[in-house]
Protein backbone atom coordinates (compact mmCIF):
# COMPACT_ATOMS: atom_id res chain seq x y z
CA MET A 1 -0.35 0.00 0.23
CA ASN A 2 1.17 3.28 -0.45
CA GLU A 3 -0.04 7.09 1.28
CA ILE A 4 -2.84 8.47 -0.10
CA ILE A 5 -3.24 11.21 3.00
CA ARG A 6 -0.21 12.82 4.64
CA MET A 7 -1.32 15.21 7.47
CA GLU A 8 1.22 17.32 9.63
CA LYS A 9 0.47 19.72 12.73
CA VAL A 10 -2.86 20.91 10.89
CA ASN A 11 -4.17 23.41 12.28
CA LYS A 12 -7.82 25.71 12.09
CA SER A 13 -9.25 28.32 13.89
CA TYR A 14 -12.50 30.31 13.27
CA TYR A 15 -13.02 33.77 13.91
CA MET A 16 -16.04 35.50 15.23
CA GLY A 17 -15.20 38.84 15.79
CA GLU A 18 -12.61 39.38 18.17
CA GLU A 19 -12.57 35.83 19.54
CA SER A 20 -10.92 32.85 17.92
CA LEU A 21 -12.23 28.98 18.16
CA HIS A 22 -8.97 27.00 17.68
CA VAL A 23 -10.89 23.49 15.88
CA LEU A 24 -8.22 21.90 14.91
CA LYS A 25 -5.07 21.05 17.14
CA ASP A 26 -2.06 20.07 15.57
CA ILE A 27 -3.74 17.16 13.69
CA SER A 28 -1.15 13.98 12.34
CA LEU A 29 -3.10 11.53 10.20
CA THR A 30 -1.98 8.96 7.48
CA VAL A 31 -3.84 7.07 5.51
CA GLU A 32 -2.92 4.29 3.26
CA LYS A 33 -4.11 3.61 -0.41
CA GLY A 34 -6.79 0.68 0.34
CA ASP A 35 -7.48 1.50 4.20
CA TYR A 36 -11.21 2.15 5.33
CA LEU A 37 -11.02 4.69 8.28
CA ALA A 38 -13.19 5.65 10.60
CA ILE A 39 -13.17 9.16 12.17
CA LEU A 40 -15.35 9.07 15.39
CA GLY A 41 -16.34 11.87 17.56
CA PRO A 42 -19.34 13.88 19.20
CA SER A 43 -20.96 17.07 18.30
CA GLY A 44 -18.47 19.97 18.66
CA SER A 45 -15.09 17.48 18.51
CA GLY A 46 -13.97 18.92 15.27
CA LYS A 47 -14.73 16.29 13.33
CA THR A 48 -16.62 18.48 10.73
CA THR A 49 -13.99 20.68 10.33
CA LEU A 50 -11.83 17.70 10.15
CA MET A 51 -13.76 16.49 7.10
CA ASN A 52 -13.78 19.89 5.65
CA VAL A 53 -9.96 19.81 5.80
CA LEU A 54 -9.84 16.70 4.29
CA GLY A 55 -12.73 17.17 1.16
CA CYS A 56 -10.36 20.24 0.24
CA MET A 57 -13.62 22.69 1.18
CA ASP A 58 -11.98 24.58 3.91
CA THR A 59 -8.05 25.46 3.97
CA LEU A 60 -6.00 24.68 6.99
CA ASP A 61 -4.17 27.43 9.16
CA SER A 62 -0.95 25.78 9.33
CA GLY A 63 0.69 22.41 9.31
CA THR A 64 0.87 20.67 5.86
CA TYR A 65 -1.85 18.22 4.28
CA GLN A 66 -0.26 15.88 1.06
CA PHE A 67 -3.00 14.14 -0.99
CA GLU A 68 -1.33 11.85 -3.60
CA ASP A 69 1.07 13.97 -4.87
CA MET A 70 -0.14 17.35 -4.38
CA GLU A 71 0.59 19.56 -1.51
CA VAL A 72 -2.66 20.75 -0.72
CA ASP A 73 -1.77 23.33 2.08
CA LYS A 74 -0.37 25.70 -1.25
CA CYS A 75 -3.39 24.74 -3.35
CA THR A 76 -5.11 27.77 -4.59
CA ASN A 77 -8.43 27.69 -5.09
CA LYS A 78 -8.78 25.99 -8.58
CA GLU A 79 -6.53 23.47 -7.46
CA LEU A 80 -8.51 22.40 -4.49
CA SER A 81 -11.91 22.83 -7.22
CA TRP A 82 -9.79 20.08 -9.06
CA ILE A 83 -8.98 17.72 -6.30
CA ARG A 84 -12.36 17.79 -5.39
CA ASN A 85 -14.14 17.27 -8.83
CA GLN A 86 -11.37 14.34 -10.03
CA LYS A 87 -10.10 12.70 -6.65
CA ILE A 88 -12.97 12.68 -3.99
CA GLY A 89 -15.95 11.37 -4.22
CA PHE A 90 -18.89 12.83 -1.09
CA ILE A 91 -21.21 11.19 0.18
CA PHE A 92 -23.88 12.72 2.64
CA GLN A 93 -25.94 12.38 5.32
CA LYS A 94 -28.72 14.74 3.39
CA TYR A 95 -27.95 12.20 -0.05
CA ASN A 96 -27.82 15.76 -2.13
CA LEU A 97 -29.63 14.62 -4.85
CA ILE A 98 -31.16 16.93 -7.81
CA PRO A 99 -35.20 16.34 -6.47
CA GLN A 100 -36.44 16.64 -10.27
CA TYR A 101 -33.96 14.41 -11.82
CA THR A 102 -34.46 10.65 -11.70
CA ALA A 103 -31.63 8.14 -10.17
CA ILE A 104 -29.77 7.38 -13.55
CA GLN A 105 -29.81 11.39 -14.60
CA ASN A 106 -28.55 12.17 -10.53
CA ILE A 107 -25.50 9.54 -10.95
CA ILE A 108 -24.21 10.49 -14.35
CA MET A 109 -24.27 14.09 -13.76
CA PRO A 110 -20.62 14.27 -12.66
CA LEU A 111 -19.74 12.63 -16.11
CA LEU A 112 -21.92 15.24 -17.97
CA VAL A 113 -20.26 18.00 -16.24
CA ARG A 114 -16.60 16.79 -17.46
CA GLY A 115 -17.86 16.89 -20.66
CA MET A 116 -18.63 12.70 -21.70
CA SER A 117 -21.55 12.22 -23.68
CA ARG A 118 -24.90 11.33 -22.66
CA GLU A 119 -24.39 7.39 -24.13
CA GLU A 120 -20.85 6.92 -22.47
CA ALA A 121 -21.98 8.15 -19.16
CA VAL A 122 -25.46 5.69 -18.94
CA GLU A 123 -23.49 2.89 -20.01
CA LYS A 124 -20.80 3.65 -17.66
CA ALA A 125 -23.05 4.03 -14.53
CA ASN A 126 -24.65 0.47 -15.43
CA GLU A 127 -21.62 -1.18 -13.73
CA TYR A 128 -22.33 1.38 -10.63
CA ILE A 129 -26.14 0.68 -10.67
CA GLU A 130 -25.50 -2.83 -10.11
CA LEU A 131 -22.76 -2.75 -7.63
CA VAL A 132 -25.22 -0.99 -5.40
CA GLY A 133 -28.07 -2.80 -6.08
CA LEU A 134 -30.54 -0.20 -7.92
CA SER A 135 -31.32 -1.89 -11.09
CA ASP A 136 -34.75 -1.82 -10.92
CA ARG A 137 -35.25 1.80 -9.69
CA ILE A 138 -32.78 4.06 -11.98
CA PHE A 139 -36.01 6.07 -14.20
CA HIS A 140 -37.66 6.72 -10.20
CA LYS A 141 -37.22 11.09 -8.98
CA PRO A 142 -35.65 10.98 -5.26
CA ASN A 143 -39.14 11.37 -3.49
CA GLU A 144 -40.17 7.77 -5.52
CA LEU A 145 -37.12 6.19 -3.50
CA SER A 146 -36.64 5.25 0.30
CA GLY A 147 -33.88 6.70 2.25
CA GLY A 148 -31.91 3.67 1.67
CA GLN A 149 -32.43 3.76 -2.42
CA GLN A 150 -31.43 7.63 -2.43
CA GLN A 151 -28.14 6.66 -0.23
CA ARG A 152 -27.21 4.02 -3.08
CA VAL A 153 -27.96 6.46 -5.70
CA ALA A 154 -25.27 8.91 -3.94
CA ILE A 155 -22.73 5.97 -3.01
CA ALA A 156 -22.95 5.27 -7.14
CA ARG A 157 -22.72 8.92 -8.28
CA ALA A 158 -19.81 9.17 -5.81
CA LEU A 159 -18.26 6.31 -7.50
CA ILE A 160 -18.47 6.86 -11.37
CA THR A 161 -15.80 9.50 -11.39
CA GLU A 162 -13.01 6.57 -10.05
CA PRO A 163 -12.16 8.67 -7.09
CA ALA A 164 -9.17 8.17 -5.53
CA LEU A 165 -11.10 8.47 -1.68
CA LEU A 166 -14.38 8.19 -1.07
CA LEU A 167 -15.11 10.70 1.80
CA ALA A 168 -18.63 9.98 3.80
CA ASP A 169 -20.00 12.48 6.47
CA GLU A 170 -22.40 10.45 8.96
CA PRO A 171 -23.52 7.97 5.74
CA THR A 172 -26.23 6.42 7.63
CA GLY A 173 -27.36 9.36 10.03
CA SER A 174 -30.94 9.41 8.01
CA LEU A 175 -31.47 5.87 8.27
CA ASP A 176 -32.94 2.68 9.90
CA SER A 177 -30.46 0.75 11.53
CA ALA A 178 -31.62 -2.36 9.07
CA THR A 179 -31.10 0.09 6.02
CA GLY A 180 -27.89 1.83 7.83
CA LYS A 181 -26.57 -2.24 8.00
CA ASP A 182 -27.49 -2.39 4.60
CA ILE A 183 -25.01 0.62 3.63
CA LEU A 184 -21.97 -0.10 5.87
CA THR A 185 -22.22 -3.91 3.77
CA LEU A 186 -22.02 -2.27 1.00
CA PHE A 187 -19.20 -0.09 1.82
CA LYS A 188 -17.33 -3.23 3.23
CA LYS A 189 -17.69 -4.48 -0.53
CA LEU A 190 -16.46 -1.81 -1.70
CA ASN A 191 -13.57 -1.39 0.56
CA ASP A 192 -12.83 -5.28 -0.57
CA ASN A 193 -12.62 -4.06 -3.93
CA GLY A 194 -9.77 -1.34 -3.51
CA ASN A 195 -11.94 1.66 -2.11
CA THR A 196 -10.44 3.78 0.24
CA ILE A 197 -12.97 5.15 2.46
CA ILE A 198 -12.98 7.74 5.40
CA VAL A 199 -16.35 7.70 7.55
CA ILE A 200 -16.92 10.89 9.42
CA SER A 201 -19.33 9.94 12.30
CA HIS A 202 -20.52 9.85 16.00
CA ASN A 203 -21.69 6.84 16.08
CA ASN A 204 -19.67 3.55 17.44
CA GLN A 205 -21.56 1.10 15.73
CA VAL A 206 -20.90 2.57 11.88
CA ALA A 207 -17.14 2.97 13.40
CA LYS A 208 -16.53 -0.64 14.02
CA GLN A 209 -17.35 -1.86 10.72
CA SER A 210 -14.27 0.28 9.35
CA LYS A 211 -10.35 -1.58 9.44
CA ARG A 212 -9.47 1.46 11.74
CA ILE A 213 -11.13 4.10 14.04
CA ILE A 214 -9.21 7.23 15.11
CA SER A 215 -11.31 9.42 17.85
CA ILE A 216 -11.58 12.99 17.84
CA LEU A 217 -12.07 14.90 20.88
CA ASP A 218 -11.80 19.06 21.38
CA GLY A 219 -9.83 18.82 18.38
CA ARG A 220 -6.98 16.17 19.01
CA LEU A 221 -7.21 13.37 17.56
CA MET A 222 -6.75 10.01 19.53
CA GLU A 223 -5.91 6.26 17.84
């Protein structure tokens, strides 16, 4: 295995007027290709800020962050956008699907944005639709799908760009326990297929499905 992520002494603060809130404190983290890591922490622990920094949605104040061969801490906004679009597949608790689009239209959207033809995109999507078990629901809109089915659409959409990293924020948080277990089983299957996964969660049962758990509390990591 080789490293996909290396963070060294990363700090992040937010400023509200004259007051500063030190959210991430000397975070050092290494993630290998093919890893399945859970970052576990209660509300207010800094895990959402860490996810935003990992996902190149927010910048760090100090320290270093290397993603594959890119020095993220030195990237321009345009370069950060490129990493988000080309290298990271995001899976959110609220799915973030476009309500007026069918499942297949939501799944192929990232490829269309990249300029791929609709025919090519649909052909490529079929592989991931089968992988997430949604072959019979592809022409349904989000409001015609259960929460678990919507999350499967979101996972297929994240996978279709073949990202180096899947970053999942409370991926079972809106699901009942049985459906949540199905999604975690799917994550294990994806990881067995070679996908690198980081799950951010406050739920011990979700974290236990991963290969490695790191806790975050008051902005500090504890393996």
